Amino acid sequence: MATEEQVRESLEAVLVPAAKRSIVGLNMVREVNISDGKVVITLASTGLIPGAQDWIKTKTQDKLIKTGPE
């Protein structure tokens, strides 16, 4: 099973389009909970327009699915 550190490392690849920085580097990943084989991530995105929020959510989900369990 993945650890919080591994999840955060994989999320380094998710870049905020306008900033060209990762969601981890911009401190948008507020919380990572791993329980019963599920990963729940809390993101801070209040300063982004709804379209950007949706895009980041989708990219984050895609990255976690591609990384998958170990």
PDB file of N, CA and C in Angstrom:
ATOM      1  N   MET A   1       0.838  -1.177   0.000  1.00  0.00           N
ATOM      2  CA  MET A   1       0.000   0.000   0.000  1.00  0.00           C
ATOM      3  C   MET A   1       0.887   1.246   0.000  1.00  0.00           C
ATOM      4  N   ALA A   2       0.428   2.255  -0.678  1.00  0.00           N
ATOM      5  CA  ALA A   2       1.177   3.504  -0.783  1.00  0.00           C
ATOM      6  C   ALA A   2       1.182   4.244   0.554  1.00  0.00           C
ATOM      7  N   THR A   3       2.249   4.994   0.766  1.00  0.00           N
ATOM      8  CA  THR A   3       2.346   5.828   1.958  1.00  0.00           C
ATOM      9  C   THR A   3       1.967   7.266   1.582  1.00  0.00           C
ATOM     10  N   GLU A   4       1.766   8.086   2.585  1.00  0.00           N
ATOM     11  CA  GLU A   4       1.445   9.497   2.321  1.00  0.00           C
ATOM     12  C   GLU A   4       2.571  10.154   1.532  1.00  0.00           C
ATOM     13  N   GLU A   5       3.805   9.836   1.895  1.00  0.00           N
ATOM     14  CA  GLU A   5       4.947  10.426   1.194  1.00  0.00           C
ATOM     15  C   GLU A   5       4.949  10.025  -0.286  1.00  0.00           C
ATOM     16  N   GLN A   6       4.652   8.772  -0.580  1.00  0.00           N
ATOM     17  CA  GLN A   6       4.611   8.313  -1.971  1.00  0.00           C
ATOM     18  C   GLN A   6       3.497   9.010  -2.751  1.00  0.00           C
ATOM     19  N   VAL A   7       2.363   9.206  -2.109  1.00  0.00           N
ATOM     20  CA  VAL A   7       1.248   9.906  -2.758  1.00  0.00           C
ATOM     21  C   VAL A   7       1.656  11.340  -3.068  1.00  0.00           C
ATOM     22  N   ARG A   8       2.237  12.010  -2.096  1.00  0.00           N
ATOM     23  CA  ARG A   8       2.667  13.395  -2.322  1.00  0.00           C
ATOM     24  C   ARG A   8       3.720  13.478  -3.432  1.00  0.00           C
ATOM     25  N   GLU A   9       4.641  12.516  -3.466  1.00  0.00           N
ATOM     26  CA  GLU A   9       5.655  12.495  -4.523  1.00  0.00           C
ATOM     27  C   GLU A   9       5.006  12.335  -5.898  1.00  0.00           C
ATOM     28  N   SER A  10       4.018  11.472  -6.008  1.00  0.00           N
ATOM     29  CA  SER A  10       3.357  11.270  -7.298  1.00  0.00           C
ATOM     30  C   SER A  10       2.582  12.509  -7.717  1.00  0.00           C
ATOM     31  N   LEU A  11       2.081  13.260  -6.748  1.00  0.00           N
ATOM     32  CA  LEU A  11       1.311  14.471  -7.067  1.00  0.00           C
ATOM     33  C   LEU A  11       2.200  15.643  -7.498  1.00  0.00           C
ATOM     34  N   GLU A  12       3.506  15.493  -7.346  1.00  0.00           N
ATOM     35  CA  GLU A  12       4.433  16.524  -7.841  1.00  0.00           C
ATOM     36  C   GLU A  12       4.281  16.714  -9.355  1.00  0.00           C
ATOM     37  N   ALA A  13       3.779  15.690 -10.035  1.00  0.00           N
ATOM     38  CA  ALA A  13       3.618  15.744 -11.493  1.00  0.00           C
ATOM     39  C   ALA A  13       2.368  16.508 -11.921  1.00  0.00           C
ATOM     40  N   VAL A  14       1.484  16.832 -10.984  1.00  0.00           N
ATOM     41  CA  VAL A  14       0.251  17.569 -11.309  1.00  0.00           C
ATOM     42  C   VAL A  14       0.561  19.058 -11.200  1.00  0.00           C
ATOM     43  N   LEU A  15       0.625  19.718 -12.348  1.00  0.00           N
ATOM     44  CA  LEU A  15       0.977  21.139 -12.388  1.00  0.00           C
ATOM     45  C   LEU A  15      -0.258  22.015 -12.538  1.00  0.00           C
ATOM     46  N   VAL A  16      -0.243  23.140 -11.849  1.00  0.00           N
ATOM     47  CA  VAL A  16      -1.298  24.146 -12.003  1.00  0.00           C
ATOM     48  C   VAL A  16      -0.982  24.898 -13.292  1.00  0.00           C
ATOM     49  N   PRO A  17      -1.908  24.888 -14.252  1.00  0.00           N
ATOM     50  CA  PRO A  17      -1.611  25.442 -15.584  1.00  0.00           C
ATOM     51  C   PRO A  17      -1.031  26.861 -15.588  1.00  0.00           C
ATOM     52  N   ALA A  18      -1.649  27.774 -14.904  1.00  0.00           N
ATOM     53  CA  ALA A  18      -1.205  29.169 -14.953  1.00  0.00           C
ATOM     54  C   ALA A  18       0.112  29.389 -14.205  1.00  0.00           C
ATOM     55  N   ALA A  19       0.341  28.607 -13.165  1.00  0.00           N
ATOM     56  CA  ALA A  19       1.521  28.801 -12.325  1.00  0.00           C
ATOM     57  C   ALA A  19       2.717  27.973 -12.776  1.00  0.00           C
ATOM     58  N   LYS A  20       2.465  26.887 -13.520  1.00  0.00           N
ATOM     59  CA  LYS A  20       3.535  25.977 -13.965  1.00  0.00           C
ATOM     60  C   LYS A  20       4.300  25.389 -12.785  1.00  0.00           C
ATOM     61  N   ARG A  21       3.596  25.229 -11.664  1.00  0.00           N
ATOM     62  CA  ARG A  21       4.169  24.599 -10.472  1.00  0.00           C
ATOM     63  C   ARG A  21       3.228  23.499 -10.016  1.00  0.00           C
ATOM     64  N   SER A  22       3.774  22.561  -9.260  1.00  0.00           N
ATOM     65  CA  SER A  22       2.958  21.425  -8.822  1.00  0.00           C
ATOM     66  C   SER A  22       1.983  21.840  -7.724  1.00  0.00           C
ATOM     67  N   ILE A  23       0.935  21.016  -7.582  1.00  0.00           N
ATOM     68  CA  ILE A  23      -0.025  21.292  -6.514  1.00  0.00           C
ATOM     69  C   ILE A  23       0.619  21.085  -5.146  1.00  0.00           C
ATOM     70  N   VAL A  24       1.643  20.256  -5.083  1.00  0.00           N
ATOM     71  CA  VAL A  24       2.375  20.065  -3.825  1.00  0.00           C
ATOM     72  C   VAL A  24       3.234  21.300  -3.547  1.00  0.00           C
ATOM     73  N   GLY A  25       3.946  21.771  -4.565  1.00  0.00           N
ATOM     74  CA  GLY A  25       4.807  22.946  -4.413  1.00  0.00           C
ATOM     75  C   GLY A  25       4.036  24.210  -4.061  1.00  0.00           C
ATOM     76  N   LEU A  26       2.783  24.274  -4.501  1.00  0.00           N
ATOM     77  CA  LEU A  26       1.937  25.428  -4.188  1.00  0.00           C
ATOM     78  C   LEU A  26       1.152  25.233  -2.889  1.00  0.00           C
ATOM     79  N   ASN A  27       1.469  24.142  -2.165  1.00  0.00           N
ATOM     80  CA  ASN A  27       0.826  23.826  -0.889  1.00  0.00           C
ATOM     81  C   ASN A  27      -0.694  23.681  -1.019  1.00  0.00           C
ATOM     82  N   MET A  28      -1.133  23.116  -2.125  1.00  0.00           N
ATOM     83  CA  MET A  28      -2.560  22.896  -2.326  1.00  0.00           C
ATOM     84  C   MET A  28      -3.025  21.559  -1.756  1.00  0.00           C
ATOM     85  N   VAL A  29      -2.085  20.645  -1.508  1.00  0.00           N
ATOM     86  CA  VAL A  29      -2.440  19.352  -0.914  1.00  0.00           C
ATOM     87  C   VAL A  29      -2.489  19.552   0.593  1.00  0.00           C
ATOM     88  N   ARG A  30      -3.687  19.629   1.117  1.00  0.00           N
ATOM     89  CA  ARG A  30      -3.863  19.920   2.540  1.00  0.00           C
ATOM     90  C   ARG A  30      -3.807  18.671   3.403  1.00  0.00           C
ATOM     91  N   GLU A  31      -4.334  17.561   2.867  1.00  0.00           N
ATOM     92  CA  GLU A  31      -4.409  16.355   3.680  1.00  0.00           C
ATOM     93  C   GLU A  31      -4.411  15.132   2.781  1.00  0.00           C
ATOM     94  N   VAL A  32      -3.736  14.082   3.225  1.00  0.00           N
ATOM     95  CA  VAL A  32      -3.735  12.792   2.534  1.00  0.00           C
ATOM     96  C   VAL A  32      -4.116  11.737   3.564  1.00  0.00           C
ATOM     97  N   ASN A  33      -5.229  11.058   3.332  1.00  0.00           N
ATOM     98  CA  ASN A  33      -5.670   9.981   4.219  1.00  0.00           C
ATOM     99  C   ASN A  33      -5.664   8.677   3.432  1.00  0.00           C
ATOM    100  N   ILE A  34      -5.045   7.665   3.996  1.00  0.00           N
ATOM    101  CA  ILE A  34      -5.002   6.345   3.382  1.00  0.00           C
ATOM    102  C   ILE A  34      -5.622   5.368   4.372  1.00  0.00           C
ATOM    103  N   SER A  35      -6.711   4.720   3.931  1.00  0.00           N
ATOM    104  CA  SER A  35      -7.411   3.789   4.806  1.00  0.00           C
ATOM    105  C   SER A  35      -8.119   2.736   3.968  1.00  0.00           C
ATOM    106  N   ASP A  36      -7.992   1.504   4.358  1.00  0.00           N
ATOM    107  CA  ASP A  36      -8.656   0.389   3.666  1.00  0.00           C
ATOM    108  C   ASP A  36      -8.378   0.380   2.168  1.00  0.00           C
ATOM    109  N   GLY A  37      -7.149   0.709   1.786  1.00  0.00           N
ATOM    110  CA  GLY A  37      -6.768   0.684   0.381  1.00  0.00           C
ATOM    111  C   GLY A  37      -7.255   1.868  -0.434  1.00  0.00           C
ATOM    112  N   LYS A  38      -7.864   2.847   0.208  1.00  0.00           N
ATOM    113  CA  LYS A  38      -8.354   4.041  -0.486  1.00  0.00           C
ATOM    114  C   LYS A  38      -7.530   5.248  -0.080  1.00  0.00           C
ATOM    115  N   VAL A  39      -7.324   6.133  -1.047  1.00  0.00           N
ATOM    116  CA  VAL A  39      -6.600   7.370  -0.787  1.00  0.00           C
ATOM    117  C   VAL A  39      -7.580   8.524  -0.955  1.00  0.00           C
ATOM    118  N   VAL A  40      -7.683   9.353   0.074  1.00  0.00           N
ATOM    119  CA  VAL A  40      -8.538  10.539   0.019  1.00  0.00           C
ATOM    120  C   VAL A  40      -7.632  11.750   0.199  1.00  0.00           C
ATOM    121  N   ILE A  41      -7.727  12.661  -0.765  1.00  0.00           N
ATOM    122  CA  ILE A  41      -6.880  13.857  -0.746  1.00  0.00           C
ATOM    123  C   ILE A  41      -7.761  15.087  -0.616  1.00  0.00           C
ATOM    124  N   THR A  42      -7.365  15.974   0.278  1.00  0.00           N
ATOM    125  CA  THR A  42      -8.041  17.262   0.418  1.00  0.00           C
ATOM    126  C   THR A  42      -7.160  18.317  -0.228  1.00  0.00           C
ATOM    127  N   LEU A  43      -7.733  19.009  -1.217  1.00  0.00           N
ATOM    128  CA  LEU A  43      -7.006  20.060  -1.932  1.00  0.00           C
ATOM    129  C   LEU A  43      -7.577  21.425  -1.593  1.00  0.00           C
ATOM    130  N   ALA A  44      -6.710  22.410  -1.475  1.00  0.00           N
ATOM    131  CA  ALA A  44      -7.115  23.798  -1.312  1.00  0.00           C
ATOM    132  C   ALA A  44      -7.087  24.435  -2.689  1.00  0.00           C
ATOM    133  N   SER A  45      -8.211  24.923  -3.135  1.00  0.00           N
ATOM    134  CA  SER A  45      -8.244  25.499  -4.480  1.00  0.00           C
ATOM    135  C   SER A  45      -9.188  26.686  -4.570  1.00  0.00           C
ATOM    136  N   THR A  46      -9.401  27.364  -3.465  1.00  0.00           N
ATOM    137  CA  THR A  46     -10.375  28.450  -3.443  1.00  0.00           C
ATOM    138  C   THR A  46      -9.998  29.620  -4.340  1.00  0.00           C
ATOM    139  N   GLY A  47      -8.714  29.793  -4.628  1.00  0.00           N
ATOM    140  CA  GLY A  47      -8.285  30.910  -5.458  1.00  0.00           C
ATOM    141  C   GLY A  47      -8.352  30.627  -6.946  1.00  0.00           C
ATOM    142  N   LEU A  48      -8.823  29.446  -7.311  1.00  0.00           N
ATOM    143  CA  LEU A  48      -8.865  29.070  -8.721  1.00  0.00           C
ATOM    144  C   LEU A  48     -10.283  29.151  -9.266  1.00  0.00           C
ATOM    145  N   ILE A  49     -10.385  29.420 -10.544  1.00  0.00           N
ATOM    146  CA  ILE A  49     -11.696  29.431 -11.176  1.00  0.00           C
ATOM    147  C   ILE A  49     -12.223  27.994 -11.227  1.00  0.00           C
ATOM    148  N   PRO A  50     -13.544  27.816 -11.262  1.00  0.00           N
ATOM    149  CA  PRO A  50     -14.111  26.458 -11.242  1.00  0.00           C
ATOM    150  C   PRO A  50     -13.552  25.522 -12.322  1.00  0.00           C
ATOM    151  N   GLY A  51     -13.314  26.017 -13.510  1.00  0.00           N
ATOM    152  CA  GLY A  51     -12.756  25.178 -14.566  1.00  0.00           C
ATOM    153  C   GLY A  51     -11.386  24.641 -14.203  1.00  0.00           C
ATOM    154  N   ALA A  52     -10.566  25.471 -13.589  1.00  0.00           N
ATOM    155  CA  ALA A  52      -9.231  25.047 -13.161  1.00  0.00           C
ATOM    156  C   ALA A  52      -9.329  24.053 -12.011  1.00  0.00           C
ATOM    157  N   GLN A  53     -10.274  24.267 -11.113  1.00  0.00           N
ATOM    158  CA  GLN A  53     -10.480  23.330 -10.010  1.00  0.00           C
ATOM    159  C   GLN A  53     -10.834  21.946 -10.545  1.00  0.00           C
ATOM    160  N   ASP A  54     -11.743  21.894 -11.501  1.00  0.00           N
ATOM    161  CA  ASP A  54     -12.142  20.620 -12.096  1.00  0.00           C
ATOM    162  C   ASP A  54     -10.974  19.956 -12.809  1.00  0.00           C
ATOM    163  N   TRP A  55     -10.188  20.744 -13.527  1.00  0.00           N
ATOM    164  CA  TRP A  55      -9.041  20.211 -14.261  1.00  0.00           C
ATOM    165  C   TRP A  55      -8.033  19.590 -13.294  1.00  0.00           C
ATOM    166  N   ILE A  56      -7.730  20.295 -12.207  1.00  0.00           N
ATOM    167  CA  ILE A  56      -6.770  19.797 -11.225  1.00  0.00           C
ATOM    168  C   ILE A  56      -7.304  18.539 -10.542  1.00  0.00           C
ATOM    169  N   LYS A  57      -8.585  18.527 -10.228  1.00  0.00           N
ATOM    170  CA  LYS A  57      -9.188  17.342  -9.611  1.00  0.00           C
ATOM    171  C   LYS A  57      -9.040  16.132 -10.538  1.00  0.00           C
ATOM    172  N   THR A  58      -9.335  16.313 -11.816  1.00  0.00           N
ATOM    173  CA  THR A  58      -9.238  15.216 -12.778  1.00  0.00           C
ATOM    174  C   THR A  58      -7.800  14.746 -12.929  1.00  0.00           C
ATOM    175  N   LYS A  59      -6.854  15.677 -13.053  1.00  0.00           N
ATOM    176  CA  LYS A  59      -5.442  15.310 -13.202  1.00  0.00           C
ATOM    177  C   LYS A  59      -4.924  14.585 -11.958  1.00  0.00           C
ATOM    178  N   THR A  60      -5.377  15.011 -10.779  1.00  0.00           N
ATOM    179  CA  THR A  60      -4.972  14.371  -9.536  1.00  0.00           C
ATOM    180  C   THR A  60      -5.491  12.937  -9.492  1.00  0.00           C
ATOM    181  N   GLN A  61      -6.760  12.749  -9.834  1.00  0.00           N
ATOM    182  CA  GLN A  61      -7.335  11.406  -9.863  1.00  0.00           C
ATOM    183  C   GLN A  61      -6.612  10.522 -10.876  1.00  0.00           C
ATOM    184  N   ASP A  62      -6.358  11.059 -12.062  1.00  0.00           N
ATOM    185  CA  ASP A  62      -5.655  10.296 -13.103  1.00  0.00           C
ATOM    186  C   ASP A  62      -4.282   9.858 -12.628  1.00  0.00           C
ATOM    187  N   LYS A  63      -3.561  10.751 -11.980  1.00  0.00           N
ATOM    188  CA  LYS A  63      -2.210  10.431 -11.510  1.00  0.00           C
ATOM    189  C   LYS A  63      -2.239   9.330 -10.460  1.00  0.00           C
ATOM    190  N   LEU A  64      -3.198   9.383  -9.559  1.00  0.00           N
ATOM    191  CA  LEU A  64      -3.289   8.358  -8.519  1.00  0.00           C
ATOM    192  C   LEU A  64      -3.695   7.011  -9.106  1.00  0.00           C
ATOM    193  N   ILE A  65      -4.569   7.023 -10.086  1.00  0.00           N
ATOM    194  CA  ILE A  65      -4.974   5.766 -10.734  1.00  0.00           C
ATOM    195  C   ILE A  65      -3.807   5.151 -11.472  1.00  0.00           C
ATOM    196  N   LYS A  66      -3.033   5.974 -12.182  1.00  0.00           N
ATOM    197  CA  LYS A  66      -1.866   5.469 -12.925  1.00  0.00           C
ATOM    198  C   LYS A  66      -0.784   4.959 -12.001  1.00  0.00           C
ATOM    199  N   THR A  67      -0.626   5.607 -10.846  1.00  0.00           N
ATOM    200  CA  THR A  67       0.388   5.186  -9.880  1.00  0.00           C
ATOM    201  C   THR A  67      -0.020   3.864  -9.259  1.00  0.00           C
ATOM    202  N   GLY A  68      -1.284   3.763  -8.890  1.00  0.00           N
ATOM    203  CA  GLY A  68      -1.853   2.522  -8.377  1.00  0.00           C
ATOM    204  C   GLY A  68      -1.214   2.022  -7.106  1.00  0.00           C
ATOM    205  N   PRO A  69      -1.795   0.955  -6.556  1.00  0.00           N
ATOM    206  CA  PRO A  69      -1.257   0.385  -5.319  1.00  0.00           C
ATOM    207  C   PRO A  69       0.051  -0.344  -5.574  1.00  0.00           C
ATOM    208  N   GLU A  70       0.843  -0.438  -4.535  1.00  0.00           N
ATOM    209  CA  GLU A  70       2.137  -1.124  -4.649  1.00  0.00           C
ATOM    210  C   GLU A  70       2.047  -2.509  -4.081  1.00  0.00           C
TER     211      GLU A  70
END
